[in-house]
Amino acid sequence: MANDFFKTAINDDSFIRGAARLMWAGTTVSFPTTIGDIINLSTYDAMTGWNDLGATKGGITISRNNTEETFDVDQILGEIDSRPVSWEQTVATAVAEATLARIQVAWEGGAITTSGGEEQMGVGDPVSYKKRRLAVLFRKEDGKLRAHVFRKAQRSAAESAFTYNKTGDQVTFPITFRALADTSQTDPDLRTQVIFNQV
């Protein structure tokens, strides 16, 4: 029997597909040390301080990008090195539960008040973004969990709209979060995102 040329190990841990869950907490909530600090591992209920952003449509996309500068010298025609200048990480989705609490997060809304059977929330032009902890949780087919947890994230400057229409798609509204570096972390690898993966 010939040796296998294609050295792969496709299993439930490495080959995954399915919906994820987007959660947030205030920055005063301690950064988790395990997935169990975000959700109860038996009931999957949110732990104290953590909130679900609700149902999403079209998936949750986690992106990482960077810019770089290149170096060259007169004596060599090509580039001799390149180094990163900045890193960017974002989380984007479309929220499918158009409650005021979810719109508040996406649109930097004001406080929600209830009076006489009505909820009210102002939407204005705030001069800063609210910072939050963010977690994207995914359950693999074998039941093990993975969580991408961001120390500090805020709304990214992007259009967010929903359309009321008698036909067509259900009402959803997009939201994109930009992850920020937590400079209190001395290890640069731990400043933005930590990925927890049950094995």
C-alpha atoms as a PDB file:
ATOM      1  CA  MET A   1       0.000   0.000   0.000  1.00  0.00           C
ATOM      2  CA  ALA A   2       1.376   3.420  -0.967  1.00  0.00           C
ATOM      3  CA  ASN A   3       1.932   6.084   1.646  1.00  0.00           C
ATOM      4  CA  ASP A   4      -0.694   8.851   1.716  1.00  0.00           C
ATOM      5  CA  PHE A   5       0.672  11.867  -0.178  1.00  0.00           C
ATOM      6  CA  PHE A   6      -2.081  14.182   1.138  1.00  0.00           C
ATOM      7  CA  LYS A   7      -1.275  14.591   4.825  1.00  0.00           C
ATOM      8  CA  THR A   8      -4.621  15.715   6.245  1.00  0.00           C
ATOM      9  CA  ALA A   9      -6.611  15.078   9.386  1.00  0.00           C
ATOM     10  CA  ILE A  10     -10.174  16.124   8.670  1.00  0.00           C
ATOM     11  CA  ASN A  11     -12.310  15.800  11.774  1.00  0.00           C
ATOM     12  CA  ASP A  12     -14.959  17.706  13.726  1.00  0.00           C
ATOM     13  CA  ASP A  13     -12.305  19.951  15.244  1.00  0.00           C
ATOM     14  CA  SER A  14     -10.703  21.103  12.011  1.00  0.00           C
ATOM     15  CA  PHE A  15     -13.517  20.898   9.433  1.00  0.00           C
ATOM     16  CA  ILE A  16     -16.393  22.986  10.719  1.00  0.00           C
ATOM     17  CA  ARG A  17     -19.529  24.729   9.515  1.00  0.00           C
ATOM     18  CA  GLY A  18     -22.581  26.162  11.238  1.00  0.00           C
ATOM     19  CA  ALA A  19     -24.079  29.155  12.960  1.00  0.00           C
ATOM     20  CA  ALA A  20     -22.318  31.052  15.728  1.00  0.00           C
ATOM     21  CA  ARG A  21     -23.538  33.121  18.666  1.00  0.00           C
ATOM     22  CA  LEU A  22     -22.505  36.765  19.203  1.00  0.00           C
ATOM     23  CA  MET A  23     -22.347  38.019  22.786  1.00  0.00           C
ATOM     24  CA  TRP A  24     -21.155  41.190  24.469  1.00  0.00           C
ATOM     25  CA  ALA A  25     -20.318  42.493  27.931  1.00  0.00           C
ATOM     26  CA  GLY A  26     -19.199  45.774  29.412  1.00  0.00           C
ATOM     27  CA  THR A  27     -15.478  46.372  29.747  1.00  0.00           C
ATOM     28  CA  THR A  28     -15.874  46.307  33.540  1.00  0.00           C
ATOM     29  CA  VAL A  29     -16.719  42.589  33.310  1.00  0.00           C
ATOM     30  CA  SER A  30     -13.568  40.556  33.902  1.00  0.00           C
ATOM     31  CA  PHE A  31     -12.002  39.151  30.762  1.00  0.00           C
ATOM     32  CA  PRO A  32     -12.804  35.427  30.685  1.00  0.00           C
ATOM     33  CA  THR A  33     -10.196  32.800  31.436  1.00  0.00           C
ATOM     34  CA  THR A  34     -12.412  29.972  30.080  1.00  0.00           C
ATOM     35  CA  ILE A  35     -15.507  29.677  27.892  1.00  0.00           C
ATOM     36  CA  GLY A  36     -17.402  28.853  31.097  1.00  0.00           C
ATOM     37  CA  ASP A  37     -16.925  32.473  32.205  1.00  0.00           C
ATOM     38  CA  ILE A  38     -19.091  33.558  29.230  1.00  0.00           C
ATOM     39  CA  ILE A  39     -21.815  30.885  29.203  1.00  0.00           C
ATOM     40  CA  ASN A  40     -22.906  28.148  31.563  1.00  0.00           C
ATOM     41  CA  LEU A  41     -21.467  24.999  29.985  1.00  0.00           C
ATOM     42  CA  SER A  42     -24.478  22.902  31.036  1.00  0.00           C
ATOM     43  CA  THR A  43     -27.389  25.175  30.115  1.00  0.00           C
ATOM     44  CA  TYR A  44     -25.636  27.536  27.637  1.00  0.00           C
ATOM     45  CA  ASP A  45     -27.216  30.495  29.456  1.00  0.00           C
ATOM     46  CA  ALA A  46     -25.219  33.716  29.507  1.00  0.00           C
ATOM     47  CA  MET A  47     -23.131  34.251  32.617  1.00  0.00           C
ATOM     48  CA  THR A  48     -23.573  37.413  34.675  1.00  0.00           C
ATOM     49  CA  GLY A  49     -22.625  40.493  32.697  1.00  0.00           C
ATOM     50  CA  TRP A  50     -22.791  38.815  29.278  1.00  0.00           C
ATOM     51  CA  ASN A  51     -25.615  39.502  26.788  1.00  0.00           C
ATOM     52  CA  ASP A  52     -26.706  37.888  23.530  1.00  0.00           C
ATOM     53  CA  LEU A  53     -26.936  40.110  20.477  1.00  0.00           C
ATOM     54  CA  GLY A  54     -29.655  37.755  19.251  1.00  0.00           C
ATOM     55  CA  ALA A  55     -30.411  35.958  16.023  1.00  0.00           C
ATOM     56  CA  THR A  56     -28.270  36.800  13.014  1.00  0.00           C
ATOM     57  CA  LYS A  57     -28.748  36.365   9.268  1.00  0.00           C
ATOM     58  CA  GLY A  58     -25.967  35.521   6.834  1.00  0.00           C
ATOM     59  CA  GLY A  59     -23.418  34.400   9.413  1.00  0.00           C
ATOM     60  CA  ILE A  60     -20.900  36.152  11.632  1.00  0.00           C
ATOM     61  CA  THR A  61     -17.643  37.101   9.922  1.00  0.00           C
ATOM     62  CA  ILE A  62     -14.404  37.558  11.848  1.00  0.00           C
ATOM     63  CA  SER A  63     -11.764  39.340   9.758  1.00  0.00           C
ATOM     64  CA  ARG A  64      -8.100  40.090  10.318  1.00  0.00           C
ATOM     65  CA  ASN A  65      -6.069  42.401   8.104  1.00  0.00           C
ATOM     66  CA  ASN A  66      -2.916  44.452   8.281  1.00  0.00           C
ATOM     67  CA  THR A  67      -0.931  47.097   6.484  1.00  0.00           C
ATOM     68  CA  GLU A  68       2.804  46.893   5.986  1.00  0.00           C
ATOM     69  CA  GLU A  69       5.783  48.863   4.800  1.00  0.00           C
ATOM     70  CA  THR A  70       8.463  47.442   2.558  1.00  0.00           C
ATOM     71  CA  PHE A  71      12.192  48.078   2.484  1.00  0.00           C
ATOM     72  CA  ASP A  72      14.587  48.240  -0.436  1.00  0.00           C
ATOM     73  CA  VAL A  73      18.080  49.467  -1.273  1.00  0.00           C
ATOM     74  CA  ASP A  74      19.557  51.007  -4.419  1.00  0.00           C
ATOM     75  CA  GLN A  75      21.733  48.014  -5.177  1.00  0.00           C
ATOM     76  CA  ILE A  76      18.920  45.416  -5.334  1.00  0.00           C
ATOM     77  CA  LEU A  77      15.933  45.693  -7.666  1.00  0.00           C
ATOM     78  CA  GLY A  78      13.437  43.925  -5.426  1.00  0.00           C
ATOM     79  CA  GLU A  79      12.198  44.456  -1.915  1.00  0.00           C
ATOM     80  CA  ILE A  80      14.469  43.067   0.787  1.00  0.00           C
ATOM     81  CA  ASP A  81      12.027  43.000   3.698  1.00  0.00           C
ATOM     82  CA  SER A  82       8.565  43.992   4.856  1.00  0.00           C
ATOM     83  CA  ARG A  83       7.139  44.641   8.309  1.00  0.00           C
ATOM     84  CA  PRO A  84       3.621  45.162   9.650  1.00  0.00           C
ATOM     85  CA  VAL A  85       2.585  48.741  10.393  1.00  0.00           C
ATOM     86  CA  SER A  86      -0.913  48.185  11.763  1.00  0.00           C
ATOM     87  CA  TRP A  87      -3.339  45.333  12.408  1.00  0.00           C
ATOM     88  CA  GLU A  88      -7.119  45.381  12.152  1.00  0.00           C
ATOM     89  CA  GLN A  89      -9.676  42.843  13.376  1.00  0.00           C
ATOM     90  CA  THR A  90     -13.417  43.172  12.826  1.00  0.00           C
ATOM     91  CA  VAL A  91     -16.582  41.221  13.575  1.00  0.00           C
ATOM     92  CA  ALA A  92     -19.512  41.735  11.188  1.00  0.00           C
ATOM     93  CA  THR A  93     -23.043  40.341  11.021  1.00  0.00           C
ATOM     94  CA  ALA A  94     -26.648  41.266  10.303  1.00  0.00           C
ATOM     95  CA  VAL A  95     -28.905  41.214  13.352  1.00  0.00           C
ATOM     96  CA  ALA A  96     -32.303  39.623  12.724  1.00  0.00           C
ATOM     97  CA  GLU A  97     -34.009  40.659  15.983  1.00  0.00           C
ATOM     98  CA  ALA A  98     -34.972  44.304  15.566  1.00  0.00           C
ATOM     99  CA  THR A  99     -35.631  45.064  19.243  1.00  0.00           C
ATOM    100  CA  LEU A 100     -34.695  48.424  20.700  1.00  0.00           C
ATOM    101  CA  ALA A 101     -32.030  46.752  22.838  1.00  0.00           C
ATOM    102  CA  ARG A 102     -30.310  45.361  19.729  1.00  0.00           C
ATOM    103  CA  ILE A 103     -30.702  48.610  17.777  1.00  0.00           C
ATOM    104  CA  GLN A 104     -29.200  50.426  20.766  1.00  0.00           C
ATOM    105  CA  VAL A 105     -25.983  48.416  20.401  1.00  0.00           C
ATOM    106  CA  ALA A 106     -25.800  48.774  16.618  1.00  0.00           C
ATOM    107  CA  TRP A 107     -26.669  52.470  16.426  1.00  0.00           C
ATOM    108  CA  GLU A 108     -25.127  53.813  19.645  1.00  0.00           C
ATOM    109  CA  GLY A 109     -28.630  54.554  20.891  1.00  0.00           C
ATOM    110  CA  GLY A 110     -29.433  56.333  24.116  1.00  0.00           C
ATOM    111  CA  ALA A 111     -31.064  54.899  27.220  1.00  0.00           C
ATOM    112  CA  ILE A 112     -34.237  52.853  26.769  1.00  0.00           C
ATOM    113  CA  THR A 113     -37.146  53.933  28.948  1.00  0.00           C
ATOM    114  CA  THR A 114     -40.571  52.359  29.380  1.00  0.00           C
ATOM    115  CA  SER A 115     -43.693  54.341  30.135  1.00  0.00           C
ATOM    116  CA  GLY A 116     -47.401  53.721  29.526  1.00  0.00           C
ATOM    117  CA  GLY A 117     -46.825  50.502  27.577  1.00  0.00           C
ATOM    118  CA  GLU A 118     -44.231  52.066  25.252  1.00  0.00           C
ATOM    119  CA  GLU A 119     -40.481  51.839  24.976  1.00  0.00           C
ATOM    120  CA  GLN A 120     -38.534  54.914  23.924  1.00  0.00           C
ATOM    121  CA  MET A 121     -34.911  55.338  22.860  1.00  0.00           C
ATOM    122  CA  GLY A 122     -33.224  58.405  21.492  1.00  0.00           C
ATOM    123  CA  VAL A 123     -30.780  58.139  18.597  1.00  0.00           C
ATOM    124  CA  GLY A 124     -28.540  61.146  18.189  1.00  0.00           C
ATOM    125  CA  ASP A 125     -24.943  61.996  17.372  1.00  0.00           C
ATOM    126  CA  PRO A 126     -22.728  60.834  20.253  1.00  0.00           C
ATOM    127  CA  VAL A 127     -19.134  62.059  20.250  1.00  0.00           C
ATOM    128  CA  SER A 128     -17.619  58.687  21.242  1.00  0.00           C
ATOM    129  CA  TYR A 129     -18.250  54.966  20.839  1.00  0.00           C
ATOM    130  CA  LYS A 130     -19.174  52.653  23.685  1.00  0.00           C
ATOM    131  CA  LYS A 131     -16.508  50.007  24.204  1.00  0.00           C
ATOM    132  CA  ARG A 132     -17.523  46.410  24.944  1.00  0.00           C
ATOM    133  CA  ARG A 133     -16.070  42.969  25.339  1.00  0.00           C
ATOM    134  CA  LEU A 134     -17.170  40.777  22.443  1.00  0.00           C
ATOM    135  CA  ALA A 135     -17.378  36.998  22.060  1.00  0.00           C
ATOM    136  CA  VAL A 136     -18.224  34.858  19.048  1.00  0.00           C
ATOM    137  CA  LEU A 137     -19.087  31.328  20.213  1.00  0.00           C
ATOM    138  CA  PHE A 138     -19.382  28.274  18.004  1.00  0.00           C
ATOM    139  CA  ARG A 139     -20.395  24.698  18.862  1.00  0.00           C
ATOM    140  CA  LYS A 140     -18.792  22.031  16.715  1.00  0.00           C
ATOM    141  CA  GLU A 141     -20.597  18.854  15.706  1.00  0.00           C
ATOM    142  CA  ASP A 142     -18.820  16.904  18.442  1.00  0.00           C
ATOM    143  CA  GLY A 143     -20.288  19.318  21.038  1.00  0.00           C
ATOM    144  CA  LYS A 144     -16.983  21.056  21.789  1.00  0.00           C
ATOM    145  CA  LEU A 145     -16.995  24.848  21.867  1.00  0.00           C
ATOM    146  CA  ARG A 146     -14.771  27.484  20.326  1.00  0.00           C
ATOM    147  CA  ALA A 147     -14.861  31.141  21.357  1.00  0.00           C
ATOM    148  CA  HIS A 148     -13.188  34.169  19.793  1.00  0.00           C
ATOM    149  CA  VAL A 149     -13.107  36.714  22.612  1.00  0.00           C
ATOM    150  CA  PHE A 150     -12.137  40.332  22.023  1.00  0.00           C
ATOM    151  CA  ARG A 151     -10.897  42.399  24.963  1.00  0.00           C
ATOM    152  CA  LYS A 152     -12.204  45.713  23.648  1.00  0.00           C
ATOM    153  CA  ALA A 153     -14.435  46.386  20.642  1.00  0.00           C
ATOM    154  CA  GLN A 154     -16.520  49.268  19.411  1.00  0.00           C
ATOM    155  CA  ARG A 155     -18.874  50.046  16.571  1.00  0.00           C
ATOM    156  CA  SER A 156     -17.100  50.508  13.270  1.00  0.00           C
ATOM    157  CA  ALA A 157     -17.989  53.412  10.996  1.00  0.00           C
ATOM    158  CA  ALA A 158     -20.310  51.674   8.546  1.00  0.00           C
ATOM    159  CA  GLU A 159     -23.836  52.239   7.293  1.00  0.00           C
ATOM    160  CA  SER A 160     -26.495  50.261   9.135  1.00  0.00           C
ATOM    161  CA  ALA A 161     -30.041  50.275   7.793  1.00  0.00           C
ATOM    162  CA  PHE A 162     -33.191  48.211   7.798  1.00  0.00           C
ATOM    163  CA  THR A 163     -36.156  48.366   5.460  1.00  0.00           C
ATOM    164  CA  TYR A 164     -39.825  47.996   6.313  1.00  0.00           C
ATOM    165  CA  ASN A 165     -41.499  46.428   3.293  1.00  0.00           C
ATOM    166  CA  LYS A 166     -44.591  44.295   2.805  1.00  0.00           C
ATOM    167  CA  THR A 167     -42.645  41.813   0.670  1.00  0.00           C
ATOM    168  CA  GLY A 168     -39.091  40.583   0.433  1.00  0.00           C
ATOM    169  CA  ASP A 169     -36.594  39.682   3.094  1.00  0.00           C
ATOM    170  CA  GLN A 170     -37.210  39.938   6.806  1.00  0.00           C
ATOM    171  CA  VAL A 171     -35.985  43.031   8.612  1.00  0.00           C
ATOM    172  CA  THR A 172     -32.297  42.813   9.482  1.00  0.00           C
ATOM    173  CA  PHE A 173     -29.688  45.452  10.152  1.00  0.00           C
ATOM    174  CA  PRO A 174     -25.922  45.098   9.753  1.00  0.00           C
ATOM    175  CA  ILE A 175     -23.368  45.858  12.407  1.00  0.00           C
ATOM    176  CA  THR A 176     -19.584  45.790  12.304  1.00  0.00           C
ATOM    177  CA  PHE A 177     -17.381  45.942  15.383  1.00  0.00           C
ATOM    178  CA  ARG A 178     -13.735  46.971  15.310  1.00  0.00           C
ATOM    179  CA  ALA A 179     -11.470  45.272  17.834  1.00  0.00           C
ATOM    180  CA  LEU A 180      -9.011  47.504  19.678  1.00  0.00           C
ATOM    181  CA  ALA A 181      -5.746  46.633  21.384  1.00  0.00           C
ATOM    182  CA  ASP A 182      -5.815  46.557  25.178  1.00  0.00           C
ATOM    183  CA  THR A 183      -2.556  48.282  26.032  1.00  0.00           C
ATOM    184  CA  SER A 184      -2.706  47.089  29.651  1.00  0.00           C
ATOM    185  CA  GLN A 185      -1.646  43.665  28.330  1.00  0.00           C
ATOM    186  CA  THR A 186       2.132  43.378  28.244  1.00  0.00           C
ATOM    187  CA  ASP A 187       2.113  40.423  25.839  1.00  0.00           C
ATOM    188  CA  PRO A 188       1.266  41.813  22.368  1.00  0.00           C
ATOM    189  CA  ASP A 189      -0.229  38.447  21.339  1.00  0.00           C
ATOM    190  CA  LEU A 190      -2.903  38.833  24.049  1.00  0.00           C
ATOM    191  CA  ARG A 191      -3.890  42.461  23.476  1.00  0.00           C
ATOM    192  CA  THR A 192      -6.769  42.065  21.031  1.00  0.00           C
ATOM    193  CA  GLN A 193      -8.295  38.583  20.761  1.00  0.00           C
ATOM    194  CA  VAL A 194      -7.970  35.281  22.568  1.00  0.00           C
ATOM    195  CA  ILE A 195      -9.343  32.104  20.945  1.00  0.00           C
ATOM    196  CA  PHE A 196     -10.561  29.419  23.340  1.00  0.00           C
ATOM    197  CA  ASN A 197     -10.992  25.943  21.833  1.00  0.00           C
ATOM    198  CA  GLN A 198     -12.266  22.931  23.764  1.00  0.00           C
ATOM    199  CA  VAL A 199     -10.389  19.721  22.930  1.00  0.00           C
END
